[in-house]
Amino acid sequence: MFLFVVVMMLAGRRFIPWMLARVARIGSRELFTLAVLGTALGIAYVAGALFGVSFALGAFLAGVVASESKFSHQVAEDALPFQDAFAVLFFVSVGMLFNPAILLQAPLLVMATALLIIVAKTLVAFITMRLLRASFTTALTVAISLAQIGEFSFILATLGRDLDLLSEQGQNLILAGAIVSIILNPFLFRLIPVIEQWQRHRTLRMRPRAARLSV
């Protein structure tokens, strides 16, 4: 993997932007979109076939290298339709991996996994934002936005299962916890005004105490 990253950072950063610039000079938007898609898929395939790197990581590095091009904004714009389509396929494939029986076999473990995802990520994000001197509202919004598992976790869980680093039950618990966190996330956003109001009342109650102590 290290060799692949080195090759991409040294050779890829020069060749891919140069190639995209050449294709863009032709003036065909369809050809440019095809070149972007072909480059991403080609690098991802080469990453797995020659360097033993996962397909997802190869595609990710292809995007990083493509961002070096002065046409990066056009690349991102042309890739948006594919992003929606591939996101649907991605979550369909994740849903096919999920075993609903885990909800009946180990409901407490599922709840513990979901709480770990929601509570731990929310607290870490909130504390980090406050340490960076963000306002209470900003820190709370960012924290709740991150109170669900990311797509990359599904990839790591699948790789862990393929490499026998993760048991089947562990993979099912991660998938179940992810699904629960995704379902609950919109409801958590509805709590933001309630928490903000509680924070304002708490601040107002503490001001008279602070004034009396100062006297």
N, C-alpha and C. Protein backbone atom coordinates (compact mmCIF):
# COMPACT_ATOMS: atom_id res chain seq x y z
N MET A 1 0.83 -1.20 0.00
CA MET A 1 0.00 0.00 0.00
C MET A 1 0.87 1.26 0.00
N PHE A 2 1.96 1.22 0.79
CA PHE A 2 2.84 2.39 0.85
C PHE A 2 3.41 2.72 -0.53
N LEU A 3 3.77 1.66 -1.29
CA LEU A 3 4.32 1.88 -2.63
C LEU A 3 3.28 2.52 -3.54
N PHE A 4 2.04 2.10 -3.42
CA PHE A 4 0.97 2.68 -4.24
C PHE A 4 0.77 4.15 -3.92
N VAL A 5 0.78 4.49 -2.63
CA VAL A 5 0.61 5.89 -2.23
C VAL A 5 1.75 6.74 -2.77
N VAL A 6 2.97 6.21 -2.70
CA VAL A 6 4.13 6.95 -3.21
C VAL A 6 4.01 7.19 -4.70
N VAL A 7 3.62 6.14 -5.45
CA VAL A 7 3.46 6.27 -6.90
C VAL A 7 2.39 7.30 -7.24
N MET A 8 1.29 7.27 -6.51
CA MET A 8 0.20 8.21 -6.78
C MET A 8 0.60 9.65 -6.46
N MET A 9 1.31 9.82 -5.36
CA MET A 9 1.69 11.17 -4.96
C MET A 9 2.78 11.77 -5.85
N LEU A 10 3.66 10.92 -6.36
CA LEU A 10 4.76 11.43 -7.18
C LEU A 10 4.38 11.49 -8.67
N ALA A 11 3.96 10.34 -9.22
CA ALA A 11 3.65 10.29 -10.65
C ALA A 11 2.22 10.71 -10.93
N GLY A 12 1.28 10.24 -10.11
CA GLY A 12 -0.13 10.53 -10.36
C GLY A 12 -0.47 12.00 -10.28
N ARG A 13 0.16 12.72 -9.35
CA ARG A 13 -0.13 14.15 -9.19
C ARG A 13 0.27 14.96 -10.41
N ARG A 14 1.19 14.43 -11.22
CA ARG A 14 1.60 15.14 -12.44
C ARG A 14 0.83 14.65 -13.66
N PHE A 15 0.67 13.33 -13.76
CA PHE A 15 0.08 12.77 -14.97
C PHE A 15 -1.42 13.03 -15.07
N ILE A 16 -2.16 12.80 -13.97
CA ILE A 16 -3.62 12.91 -14.03
C ILE A 16 -4.08 14.34 -14.30
N PRO A 17 -3.58 15.35 -13.59
CA PRO A 17 -3.98 16.72 -13.96
C PRO A 17 -3.60 17.08 -15.39
N TRP A 18 -2.43 16.63 -15.86
CA TRP A 18 -2.02 16.89 -17.24
C TRP A 18 -2.98 16.23 -18.23
N MET A 19 -3.38 14.99 -17.94
CA MET A 19 -4.29 14.28 -18.83
C MET A 19 -5.67 14.95 -18.85
N LEU A 20 -6.18 15.34 -17.68
CA LEU A 20 -7.49 16.00 -17.63
C LEU A 20 -7.47 17.34 -18.36
N ALA A 21 -6.33 18.04 -18.27
CA ALA A 21 -6.22 19.30 -19.01
C ALA A 21 -6.26 19.06 -20.51
N ARG A 22 -5.60 18.01 -20.98
CA ARG A 22 -5.62 17.67 -22.41
C ARG A 22 -7.02 17.33 -22.87
N VAL A 23 -7.75 16.54 -22.08
CA VAL A 23 -9.12 16.16 -22.45
C VAL A 23 -10.03 17.38 -22.44
N ALA A 24 -9.84 18.28 -21.46
CA ALA A 24 -10.69 19.47 -21.37
C ALA A 24 -10.51 20.39 -22.57
N ARG A 25 -9.31 20.40 -23.17
CA ARG A 25 -9.06 21.26 -24.33
C ARG A 25 -9.87 20.82 -25.55
N ILE A 26 -10.29 19.57 -25.59
CA ILE A 26 -11.09 19.08 -26.72
C ILE A 26 -12.45 19.77 -26.74
N GLY A 27 -12.95 20.13 -25.56
CA GLY A 27 -14.21 20.88 -25.49
C GLY A 27 -15.45 20.02 -25.37
N SER A 28 -15.30 18.72 -25.20
CA SER A 28 -16.46 17.84 -25.07
C SER A 28 -16.68 17.53 -23.59
N ARG A 29 -17.83 17.97 -23.08
CA ARG A 29 -18.14 17.72 -21.67
C ARG A 29 -18.35 16.23 -21.41
N GLU A 30 -18.98 15.54 -22.35
CA GLU A 30 -19.22 14.11 -22.19
C GLU A 30 -17.91 13.33 -22.13
N LEU A 31 -16.96 13.71 -22.98
CA LEU A 31 -15.66 13.03 -22.99
C LEU A 31 -14.90 13.31 -21.70
N PHE A 32 -15.01 14.54 -21.19
CA PHE A 32 -14.34 14.88 -19.93
C PHE A 32 -14.92 14.06 -18.78
N THR A 33 -16.26 13.94 -18.73
CA THR A 33 -16.89 13.14 -17.69
C THR A 33 -16.46 11.68 -17.78
N LEU A 34 -16.40 11.16 -19.01
CA LEU A 34 -15.96 9.78 -19.21
C LEU A 34 -14.51 9.60 -18.78
N ALA A 35 -13.67 10.60 -19.05
CA ALA A 35 -12.27 10.52 -18.65
C ALA A 35 -12.13 10.50 -17.12
N VAL A 36 -12.93 11.31 -16.44
CA VAL A 36 -12.89 11.33 -14.97
C VAL A 36 -13.31 9.99 -14.40
N LEU A 37 -14.42 9.46 -14.92
CA LEU A 37 -14.92 8.18 -14.41
C LEU A 37 -13.94 7.05 -14.74
N GLY A 38 -13.41 7.05 -15.95
CA GLY A 38 -12.46 6.02 -16.34
C GLY A 38 -11.18 6.08 -15.52
N THR A 39 -10.72 7.29 -15.22
CA THR A 39 -9.51 7.44 -14.41
C THR A 39 -9.72 6.90 -13.01
N ALA A 40 -10.84 7.25 -12.40
CA ALA A 40 -11.11 6.78 -11.04
C ALA A 40 -11.22 5.26 -10.98
N LEU A 41 -11.99 4.68 -11.89
CA LEU A 41 -12.16 3.23 -11.90
C LEU A 41 -10.87 2.52 -12.27
N GLY A 42 -10.12 3.11 -13.21
CA GLY A 42 -8.85 2.50 -13.62
C GLY A 42 -7.84 2.46 -12.49
N ILE A 43 -7.70 3.57 -11.79
CA ILE A 43 -6.75 3.62 -10.67
C ILE A 43 -7.20 2.68 -9.56
N ALA A 44 -8.50 2.62 -9.30
CA ALA A 44 -9.01 1.73 -8.27
C ALA A 44 -8.72 0.27 -8.62
N TYR A 45 -8.89 -0.08 -9.89
CA TYR A 45 -8.62 -1.46 -10.32
C TYR A 45 -7.13 -1.78 -10.21
N VAL A 46 -6.28 -0.88 -10.70
CA VAL A 46 -4.84 -1.09 -10.63
C VAL A 46 -4.37 -1.20 -9.18
N ALA A 47 -4.99 -0.40 -8.31
CA ALA A 47 -4.62 -0.44 -6.89
C ALA A 47 -4.85 -1.83 -6.31
N GLY A 48 -5.96 -2.46 -6.69
CA GLY A 48 -6.25 -3.78 -6.16
C GLY A 48 -5.48 -4.88 -6.87
N ALA A 49 -5.33 -4.77 -8.19
CA ALA A 49 -4.69 -5.84 -8.97
C ALA A 49 -3.18 -5.89 -8.79
N LEU A 50 -2.53 -4.74 -8.72
CA LEU A 50 -1.07 -4.71 -8.67
C LEU A 50 -0.50 -4.46 -7.28
N PHE A 51 -1.22 -3.67 -6.47
CA PHE A 51 -0.65 -3.27 -5.18
C PHE A 51 -1.38 -3.88 -3.99
N GLY A 52 -2.47 -4.61 -4.24
CA GLY A 52 -3.21 -5.22 -3.14
C GLY A 52 -3.96 -4.24 -2.27
N VAL A 53 -4.21 -3.04 -2.80
CA VAL A 53 -4.95 -2.01 -2.07
C VAL A 53 -6.43 -2.17 -2.36
N SER A 54 -7.28 -1.85 -1.41
CA SER A 54 -8.71 -1.99 -1.61
C SER A 54 -9.20 -1.07 -2.73
N PHE A 55 -10.27 -1.48 -3.38
CA PHE A 55 -10.86 -0.71 -4.47
C PHE A 55 -11.28 0.67 -3.99
N ALA A 56 -11.86 0.73 -2.79
CA ALA A 56 -12.35 2.02 -2.25
C ALA A 56 -11.19 2.98 -2.00
N LEU A 57 -10.09 2.47 -1.42
CA LEU A 57 -8.94 3.34 -1.14
C LEU A 57 -8.31 3.83 -2.44
N GLY A 58 -8.26 2.97 -3.45
CA GLY A 58 -7.73 3.38 -4.75
C GLY A 58 -8.54 4.50 -5.36
N ALA A 59 -9.87 4.38 -5.31
CA ALA A 59 -10.74 5.43 -5.84
C ALA A 59 -10.59 6.72 -5.04
N PHE A 60 -10.41 6.58 -3.73
CA PHE A 60 -10.23 7.76 -2.88
C PHE A 60 -8.96 8.53 -3.26
N LEU A 61 -7.86 7.81 -3.43
CA LEU A 61 -6.60 8.46 -3.81
C LEU A 61 -6.69 9.06 -5.20
N ALA A 62 -7.47 8.42 -6.08
CA ALA A 62 -7.68 8.99 -7.41
C ALA A 62 -8.36 10.35 -7.30
N GLY A 63 -9.32 10.46 -6.40
CA GLY A 63 -9.98 11.75 -6.19
C GLY A 63 -9.05 12.79 -5.60
N VAL A 64 -8.18 12.36 -4.68
CA VAL A 64 -7.21 13.28 -4.08
C VAL A 64 -6.27 13.83 -5.14
N VAL A 65 -5.80 12.95 -6.02
CA VAL A 65 -4.88 13.38 -7.07
C VAL A 65 -5.60 14.27 -8.08
N ALA A 66 -6.85 13.92 -8.42
CA ALA A 66 -7.61 14.72 -9.39
C ALA A 66 -7.88 16.13 -8.86
N SER A 67 -7.92 16.29 -7.54
CA SER A 67 -8.16 17.61 -6.96
C SER A 67 -7.01 18.57 -7.22
N GLU A 68 -5.84 18.04 -7.61
CA GLU A 68 -4.69 18.88 -7.92
C GLU A 68 -4.87 19.61 -9.25
N SER A 69 -5.80 19.13 -10.07
CA SER A 69 -6.03 19.75 -11.38
C SER A 69 -6.77 21.07 -11.23
N LYS A 70 -6.51 21.99 -12.15
CA LYS A 70 -7.24 23.26 -12.12
C LYS A 70 -8.69 23.09 -12.54
N PHE A 71 -9.02 21.89 -13.04
CA PHE A 71 -10.40 21.58 -13.42
C PHE A 71 -11.10 20.79 -12.32
N SER A 72 -10.60 20.86 -11.09
CA SER A 72 -11.14 20.06 -10.00
C SER A 72 -12.61 20.38 -9.72
N HIS A 73 -12.99 21.67 -9.86
CA HIS A 73 -14.39 22.04 -9.63
C HIS A 73 -15.29 21.41 -10.70
N GLN A 74 -14.83 21.38 -11.93
CA GLN A 74 -15.61 20.74 -12.98
C GLN A 74 -15.68 19.24 -12.76
N VAL A 75 -14.58 18.66 -12.28
CA VAL A 75 -14.56 17.23 -11.97
C VAL A 75 -15.61 16.90 -10.91
N ALA A 76 -15.63 17.72 -9.84
CA ALA A 76 -16.60 17.49 -8.77
C ALA A 76 -18.03 17.67 -9.27
N GLU A 77 -18.25 18.67 -10.12
CA GLU A 77 -19.59 18.91 -10.64
C GLU A 77 -20.06 17.75 -11.52
N ASP A 78 -19.17 17.25 -12.37
CA ASP A 78 -19.54 16.15 -13.25
C ASP A 78 -19.72 14.84 -12.49
N ALA A 79 -19.08 14.72 -11.33
CA ALA A 79 -19.16 13.48 -10.57
C ALA A 79 -20.39 13.41 -9.67
N LEU A 80 -21.09 14.53 -9.46
CA LEU A 80 -22.24 14.53 -8.56
C LEU A 80 -23.33 13.55 -8.95
N PRO A 81 -23.73 13.46 -10.24
CA PRO A 81 -24.76 12.46 -10.59
C PRO A 81 -24.32 11.03 -10.28
N PHE A 82 -23.05 10.74 -10.51
CA PHE A 82 -22.54 9.40 -10.19
C PHE A 82 -22.52 9.17 -8.69
N GLN A 83 -22.28 10.24 -7.93
CA GLN A 83 -22.23 10.11 -6.48
C GLN A 83 -23.57 9.63 -5.95
N ASP A 84 -24.66 10.20 -6.44
CA ASP A 84 -25.99 9.79 -5.97
C ASP A 84 -26.28 8.34 -6.35
N ALA A 85 -25.94 7.98 -7.58
CA ALA A 85 -26.21 6.61 -8.04
C ALA A 85 -25.39 5.59 -7.27
N PHE A 86 -24.10 5.87 -7.08
CA PHE A 86 -23.24 4.94 -6.37
C PHE A 86 -23.59 4.89 -4.88
N ALA A 87 -24.08 6.01 -4.33
CA ALA A 87 -24.48 5.99 -2.92
C ALA A 87 -25.66 5.06 -2.72
N VAL A 88 -26.60 5.07 -3.65
CA VAL A 88 -27.74 4.16 -3.56
C VAL A 88 -27.27 2.71 -3.63
N LEU A 89 -26.40 2.42 -4.61
CA LEU A 89 -25.88 1.05 -4.74
C LEU A 89 -25.09 0.63 -3.51
N PHE A 90 -24.35 1.59 -2.94
CA PHE A 90 -23.54 1.28 -1.77
C PHE A 90 -24.41 0.85 -0.60
N PHE A 91 -25.46 1.63 -0.32
CA PHE A 91 -26.31 1.31 0.82
C PHE A 91 -27.17 0.08 0.56
N VAL A 92 -27.50 -0.18 -0.71
CA VAL A 92 -28.20 -1.42 -1.03
C VAL A 92 -27.31 -2.62 -0.71
N SER A 93 -26.03 -2.52 -1.09
CA SER A 93 -25.09 -3.62 -0.81
C SER A 93 -24.89 -3.80 0.69
N VAL A 94 -24.84 -2.68 1.44
CA VAL A 94 -24.70 -2.77 2.89
C VAL A 94 -25.94 -3.43 3.50
N GLY A 95 -27.11 -3.07 3.00
CA GLY A 95 -28.34 -3.69 3.49
C GLY A 95 -28.38 -5.18 3.23
N MET A 96 -27.81 -5.62 2.12
CA MET A 96 -27.77 -7.05 1.81
C MET A 96 -26.83 -7.80 2.73
N LEU A 97 -25.83 -7.11 3.28
CA LEU A 97 -24.91 -7.75 4.23
C LEU A 97 -25.50 -7.88 5.62
N PHE A 98 -26.51 -7.08 5.93
CA PHE A 98 -27.07 -7.05 7.28
C PHE A 98 -27.94 -8.27 7.54
N ASN A 99 -27.75 -8.86 8.71
CA ASN A 99 -28.54 -10.02 9.14
C ASN A 99 -29.52 -9.55 10.21
N PRO A 100 -30.82 -9.43 9.90
CA PRO A 100 -31.79 -8.92 10.89
C PRO A 100 -31.90 -9.79 12.13
N ALA A 101 -31.48 -11.04 12.04
CA ALA A 101 -31.59 -11.94 13.20
C ALA A 101 -30.78 -11.44 14.38
N ILE A 102 -29.77 -10.62 14.16
CA ILE A 102 -28.93 -10.10 15.24
C ILE A 102 -29.75 -9.25 16.21
N LEU A 103 -30.85 -8.65 15.73
CA LEU A 103 -31.70 -7.83 16.58
C LEU A 103 -32.41 -8.67 17.64
N LEU A 104 -32.68 -9.94 17.30
CA LEU A 104 -33.33 -10.84 18.25
C LEU A 104 -32.31 -11.65 19.05
N GLN A 105 -31.18 -11.95 18.43
CA GLN A 105 -30.17 -12.76 19.09
C GLN A 105 -29.40 -11.99 20.15
N ALA A 106 -29.09 -10.74 19.88
CA ALA A 106 -28.28 -9.94 20.82
C ALA A 106 -28.79 -8.50 20.86
N PRO A 107 -30.02 -8.28 21.34
CA PRO A 107 -30.56 -6.91 21.35
C PRO A 107 -29.78 -5.95 22.24
N LEU A 108 -29.26 -6.46 23.37
CA LEU A 108 -28.50 -5.59 24.28
C LEU A 108 -27.18 -5.15 23.65
N LEU A 109 -26.53 -6.07 22.94
CA LEU A 109 -25.29 -5.70 22.27
C LEU A 109 -25.54 -4.69 21.15
N VAL A 110 -26.67 -4.85 20.46
CA VAL A 110 -27.02 -3.88 19.40
C VAL A 110 -27.24 -2.50 20.01
N MET A 111 -27.98 -2.45 21.15
CA MET A 111 -28.23 -1.17 21.81
C MET A 111 -26.93 -0.56 22.31
N ALA A 112 -26.04 -1.40 22.87
CA ALA A 112 -24.76 -0.89 23.36
C ALA A 112 -23.91 -0.34 22.23
N THR A 113 -23.91 -1.03 21.09
CA THR A 113 -23.14 -0.56 19.93
C THR A 113 -23.68 0.76 19.41
N ALA A 114 -25.02 0.85 19.32
CA ALA A 114 -25.64 2.09 18.84
C ALA A 114 -25.36 3.25 19.79
N LEU A 115 -25.45 3.01 21.10
CA LEU A 115 -25.17 4.07 22.07
C LEU A 115 -23.70 4.49 22.02
N LEU A 116 -22.81 3.52 21.82
CA LEU A 116 -21.39 3.86 21.72
C LEU A 116 -21.15 4.77 20.52
N ILE A 117 -21.80 4.46 19.39
CA ILE A 117 -21.64 5.29 18.19
C ILE A 117 -22.20 6.68 18.43
N ILE A 118 -23.42 6.73 18.97
CA ILE A 118 -24.12 8.02 19.11
C ILE A 118 -23.50 8.87 20.21
N VAL A 119 -23.38 8.30 21.41
CA VAL A 119 -22.93 9.08 22.56
C VAL A 119 -21.44 9.43 22.47
N ALA A 120 -20.62 8.42 22.17
CA ALA A 120 -19.18 8.65 22.16
C ALA A 120 -18.79 9.64 21.07
N LYS A 121 -19.29 9.46 19.86
CA LYS A 121 -18.93 10.37 18.77
C LYS A 121 -19.45 11.78 19.04
N THR A 122 -20.65 11.86 19.61
CA THR A 122 -21.23 13.18 19.90
C THR A 122 -20.40 13.91 20.94
N LEU A 123 -20.03 13.22 22.02
CA LEU A 123 -19.25 13.87 23.08
C LEU A 123 -17.87 14.29 22.59
N VAL A 124 -17.21 13.41 21.85
CA VAL A 124 -15.87 13.74 21.35
C VAL A 124 -15.93 14.94 20.42
N ALA A 125 -16.91 14.95 19.51
CA ALA A 125 -17.04 16.07 18.58
C ALA A 125 -17.40 17.36 19.31
N PHE A 126 -18.30 17.28 20.29
CA PHE A 126 -18.71 18.48 21.03
C PHE A 126 -17.55 19.06 21.83
N ILE A 127 -16.83 18.20 22.54
CA ILE A 127 -15.69 18.67 23.35
C ILE A 127 -14.60 19.27 22.45
N THR A 128 -14.37 18.61 21.32
CA THR A 128 -13.35 19.11 20.38
C THR A 128 -13.72 20.50 19.86
N MET A 129 -14.97 20.68 19.48
CA MET A 129 -15.41 21.98 18.97
C MET A 129 -15.35 23.06 20.05
N ARG A 130 -15.68 22.70 21.28
CA ARG A 130 -15.60 23.69 22.35
C ARG A 130 -14.15 24.07 22.66
N LEU A 131 -13.26 23.08 22.57
CA LEU A 131 -11.83 23.38 22.77
C LEU A 131 -11.31 24.30 21.66
N LEU A 132 -11.92 24.22 20.50
CA LEU A 132 -11.55 25.11 19.39
C LEU A 132 -12.28 26.44 19.46
N ARG A 133 -12.94 26.70 20.61
CA ARG A 133 -13.62 27.96 20.88
C ARG A 133 -14.84 28.20 19.99
N ALA A 134 -15.48 27.13 19.56
CA ALA A 134 -16.73 27.27 18.81
C ALA A 134 -17.86 27.57 19.79
N SER A 135 -18.90 28.23 19.31
CA SER A 135 -20.04 28.53 20.17
C SER A 135 -20.77 27.24 20.55
N PHE A 136 -21.61 27.35 21.58
CA PHE A 136 -22.35 26.17 22.04
C PHE A 136 -23.24 25.63 20.93
N THR A 137 -23.92 26.51 20.20
CA THR A 137 -24.82 26.07 19.13
C THR A 137 -24.05 25.39 18.01
N THR A 138 -22.93 25.98 17.61
CA THR A 138 -22.13 25.38 16.54
C THR A 138 -21.59 24.02 16.95
N ALA A 139 -21.06 23.95 18.18
CA ALA A 139 -20.51 22.68 18.66
C ALA A 139 -21.59 21.61 18.75
N LEU A 140 -22.77 22.00 19.19
CA LEU A 140 -23.87 21.04 19.31
C LEU A 140 -24.33 20.55 17.94
N THR A 141 -24.43 21.46 16.99
CA THR A 141 -24.87 21.08 15.64
C THR A 141 -23.87 20.13 14.98
N VAL A 142 -22.59 20.46 15.09
CA VAL A 142 -21.56 19.59 14.51
C VAL A 142 -21.56 18.22 15.20
N ALA A 143 -21.69 18.22 16.52
CA ALA A 143 -21.66 16.96 17.26
C ALA A 143 -22.81 16.05 16.87
N ILE A 144 -24.01 16.60 16.76
CA ILE A 144 -25.16 15.77 16.39
C ILE A 144 -25.07 15.35 14.92
N SER A 145 -24.47 16.19 14.10
CA SER A 145 -24.28 15.80 12.70
C SER A 145 -23.40 14.56 12.58
N LEU A 146 -22.49 14.40 13.53
CA LEU A 146 -21.57 13.26 13.51
C LEU A 146 -22.05 12.10 14.38
N ALA A 147 -23.27 12.18 14.88
CA ALA A 147 -23.79 11.15 15.78
C ALA A 147 -24.32 9.95 15.00
N GLN A 148 -23.66 9.60 13.95
CA GLN A 148 -24.00 8.40 13.19
C GLN A 148 -22.72 7.88 12.55
N ILE A 149 -22.75 6.63 12.19
CA ILE A 149 -21.55 6.01 11.66
C ILE A 149 -21.33 6.43 10.21
N GLY A 150 -20.08 6.56 9.80
CA GLY A 150 -19.76 6.96 8.44
C GLY A 150 -19.69 5.76 7.50
N GLU A 151 -19.77 6.06 6.19
CA GLU A 151 -19.75 5.00 5.20
C GLU A 151 -18.43 4.22 5.22
N PHE A 152 -17.35 4.92 5.57
CA PHE A 152 -16.05 4.26 5.58
C PHE A 152 -15.99 3.14 6.61
N SER A 153 -16.81 3.23 7.65
CA SER A 153 -16.84 2.18 8.66
C SER A 153 -17.37 0.88 8.09
N PHE A 154 -18.32 0.97 7.14
CA PHE A 154 -18.82 -0.24 6.49
C PHE A 154 -17.71 -0.92 5.70
N ILE A 155 -16.90 -0.11 5.04
CA ILE A 155 -15.79 -0.66 4.26
C ILE A 155 -14.79 -1.34 5.18
N LEU A 156 -14.46 -0.69 6.30
CA LEU A 156 -13.52 -1.28 7.26
C LEU A 156 -14.07 -2.58 7.84
N ALA A 157 -15.37 -2.59 8.14
CA ALA A 157 -15.98 -3.81 8.70
C ALA A 157 -15.93 -4.95 7.69
N THR A 158 -16.20 -4.64 6.42
CA THR A 158 -16.15 -5.68 5.40
C THR A 158 -14.74 -6.20 5.20
N LEU A 159 -13.76 -5.30 5.19
CA LEU A 159 -12.36 -5.71 5.07
C LEU A 159 -11.93 -6.55 6.27
N GLY A 160 -12.36 -6.13 7.45
CA GLY A 160 -12.03 -6.90 8.64
C GLY A 160 -12.60 -8.29 8.60
N ARG A 161 -13.80 -8.39 8.05
CA ARG A 161 -14.43 -9.72 7.92
C ARG A 161 -13.69 -10.57 6.88
N ASP A 162 -13.31 -9.96 5.76
CA ASP A 162 -12.61 -10.70 4.71
C ASP A 162 -11.24 -11.17 5.17
N LEU A 163 -10.59 -10.39 6.04
CA LEU A 163 -9.26 -10.74 6.53
C LEU A 163 -9.30 -11.54 7.84
N ASP A 164 -10.50 -11.94 8.24
CA ASP A 164 -10.69 -12.72 9.47
C ASP A 164 -10.21 -11.97 10.71
N LEU A 165 -10.29 -10.65 10.65
CA LEU A 165 -9.97 -9.83 11.82
C LEU A 165 -11.21 -9.47 12.63
N LEU A 166 -12.36 -9.73 12.04
CA LEU A 166 -13.63 -9.40 12.68
C LEU A 166 -14.58 -10.57 12.51
N SER A 167 -15.26 -10.93 13.58
CA SER A 167 -16.20 -12.04 13.51
C SER A 167 -17.47 -11.62 12.77
N GLU A 168 -18.25 -12.61 12.38
CA GLU A 168 -19.51 -12.31 11.69
C GLU A 168 -20.46 -11.54 12.60
N GLN A 169 -20.48 -11.90 13.89
CA GLN A 169 -21.33 -11.18 14.83
C GLN A 169 -20.87 -9.73 14.98
N GLY A 170 -19.54 -9.52 15.00
CA GLY A 170 -19.03 -8.16 15.10
C GLY A 170 -19.44 -7.31 13.91
N GLN A 171 -19.38 -7.88 12.71
CA GLN A 171 -19.81 -7.15 11.53
C GLN A 171 -21.29 -6.83 11.60
N ASN A 172 -22.10 -7.81 12.03
CA ASN A 172 -23.54 -7.57 12.13
C ASN A 172 -23.87 -6.52 13.18
N LEU A 173 -23.10 -6.50 14.28
CA LEU A 173 -23.33 -5.48 15.31
C LEU A 173 -23.00 -4.09 14.79
N ILE A 174 -21.92 -3.98 14.02
CA ILE A 174 -21.56 -2.68 13.44
C ILE A 174 -22.65 -2.21 12.49
N LEU A 175 -23.13 -3.12 11.63
CA LEU A 175 -24.18 -2.76 10.67
C LEU A 175 -25.47 -2.38 11.39
N ALA A 176 -25.82 -3.17 12.42
CA ALA A 176 -27.05 -2.86 13.17
C ALA A 176 -26.93 -1.53 13.89
N GLY A 177 -25.79 -1.31 14.55
CA GLY A 177 -25.59 -0.03 15.24
C GLY A 177 -25.61 1.14 14.28
N ALA A 178 -25.05 0.94 13.09
CA ALA A 178 -25.05 2.00 12.08
C ALA A 178 -26.47 2.33 11.63
N ILE A 179 -27.25 1.29 11.39
CA ILE A 179 -28.63 1.51 10.94
C ILE A 179 -29.44 2.23 12.02
N VAL A 180 -29.27 1.83 13.27
CA VAL A 180 -29.98 2.48 14.36
C VAL A 180 -29.57 3.95 14.49
N SER A 181 -28.26 4.22 14.39
CA SER A 181 -27.78 5.60 14.50
C SER A 181 -28.28 6.47 13.36
N ILE A 182 -28.35 5.90 12.16
CA ILE A 182 -28.85 6.66 11.01
C ILE A 182 -30.33 6.97 11.17
N ILE A 183 -31.09 6.01 11.69
CA ILE A 183 -32.53 6.21 11.90
C ILE A 183 -32.78 7.27 12.97
N LEU A 184 -31.99 7.26 14.05
CA LEU A 184 -32.21 8.19 15.16
C LEU A 184 -31.66 9.58 14.90
N ASN A 185 -30.74 9.73 13.95
CA ASN A 185 -30.09 11.02 13.75
C ASN A 185 -31.06 12.17 13.45
N PRO A 186 -32.09 12.00 12.58
CA PRO A 186 -33.03 13.12 12.36
C PRO A 186 -33.76 13.53 13.63
N PHE A 187 -34.07 12.57 14.51
CA PHE A 187 -34.76 12.90 15.76
C PHE A 187 -33.83 13.65 16.71
N LEU A 188 -32.53 13.34 16.65
CA LEU A 188 -31.57 14.07 17.49
C LEU A 188 -31.49 15.53 17.08
N PHE A 189 -31.62 15.79 15.78
CA PHE A 189 -31.59 17.18 15.31
C PHE A 189 -32.76 17.98 15.89
N ARG A 190 -33.87 17.31 16.12
CA ARG A 190 -35.03 18.01 16.69
C ARG A 190 -34.80 18.40 18.14
N LEU A 191 -33.81 17.78 18.77
CA LEU A 191 -33.51 18.12 20.16
C LEU A 191 -32.63 19.35 20.30
N ILE A 192 -32.05 19.81 19.19
CA ILE A 192 -31.14 20.96 19.26
C ILE A 192 -31.82 22.19 19.86
N PRO A 193 -33.02 22.60 19.40
CA PRO A 193 -33.67 23.78 20.03
C PRO A 193 -33.95 23.56 21.51
N VAL A 194 -34.31 22.33 21.89
CA VAL A 194 -34.60 22.05 23.30
C VAL A 194 -33.33 22.19 24.14
N ILE A 195 -32.24 21.64 23.66
CA ILE A 195 -30.97 21.73 24.40
C ILE A 195 -30.49 23.17 24.46
N GLU A 196 -30.66 23.92 23.36
CA GLU A 196 -30.25 25.33 23.36
C GLU A 196 -31.06 26.14 24.37
N GLN A 197 -32.37 25.87 24.44
CA GLN A 197 -33.21 26.58 25.40
C GLN A 197 -32.80 26.24 26.84
N TRP A 198 -32.49 24.95 27.07
CA TRP A 198 -32.03 24.54 28.41
C TRP A 198 -30.72 25.25 28.75
N GLN A 199 -29.82 25.38 27.79
CA GLN A 199 -28.54 26.04 28.01
C GLN A 199 -28.74 27.52 28.33
N ARG A 200 -29.68 28.17 27.64
CA ARG A 200 -29.95 29.60 27.90
C ARG A 200 -30.51 29.79 29.31
N HIS A 201 -31.47 28.94 29.71
CA HIS A 201 -32.03 29.04 31.06
C HIS A 201 -30.97 28.78 32.12
N ARG A 202 -30.10 27.82 31.87
CA ARG A 202 -29.03 27.49 32.80
C ARG A 202 -28.06 28.66 32.95
N THR A 203 -27.76 29.32 31.82
CA THR A 203 -26.86 30.48 31.87
C THR A 203 -27.48 31.63 32.64
N LEU A 204 -28.79 31.85 32.43
CA LEU A 204 -29.48 32.94 33.13
C LEU A 204 -29.55 32.67 34.62
N ARG A 205 -29.74 31.41 35.03
CA ARG A 205 -29.80 31.08 36.46
C ARG A 205 -28.43 31.24 37.12
N MET A 206 -27.37 30.99 36.37
CA MET A 206 -26.03 31.07 36.96
C MET A 206 -25.53 32.49 37.09
N ARG A 207 -26.08 33.43 36.30
CA ARG A 207 -25.60 34.81 36.37
C ARG A 207 -25.86 35.45 37.72
N PRO A 208 -27.08 35.35 38.30
CA PRO A 208 -27.29 35.95 39.64
C PRO A 208 -26.37 35.36 40.70
N ARG A 209 -26.09 34.02 40.62
CA ARG A 209 -25.18 33.40 41.58
C ARG A 209 -23.79 33.99 41.48
N ALA A 210 -23.33 34.12 40.22
CA ALA A 210 -22.00 34.69 40.02
C ALA A 210 -21.93 36.12 40.53
N ALA A 211 -23.03 36.87 40.35
CA ALA A 211 -23.05 38.26 40.83
C ALA A 211 -22.99 38.31 42.35
N ARG A 212 -23.74 37.37 43.02
CA ARG A 212 -23.74 37.39 44.48
C ARG A 212 -22.37 36.97 45.02
N LEU A 213 -21.73 35.99 44.35
CA LEU A 213 -20.41 35.56 44.80
C LEU A 213 -19.37 36.67 44.64
N SER A 214 -19.51 37.45 43.60
CA SER A 214 -18.55 38.53 43.38
C SER A 214 -18.70 39.63 44.43
N VAL A 215 -19.94 39.82 44.91
CA VAL A 215 -20.17 40.80 45.96
C VAL A 215 -19.61 40.32 47.29
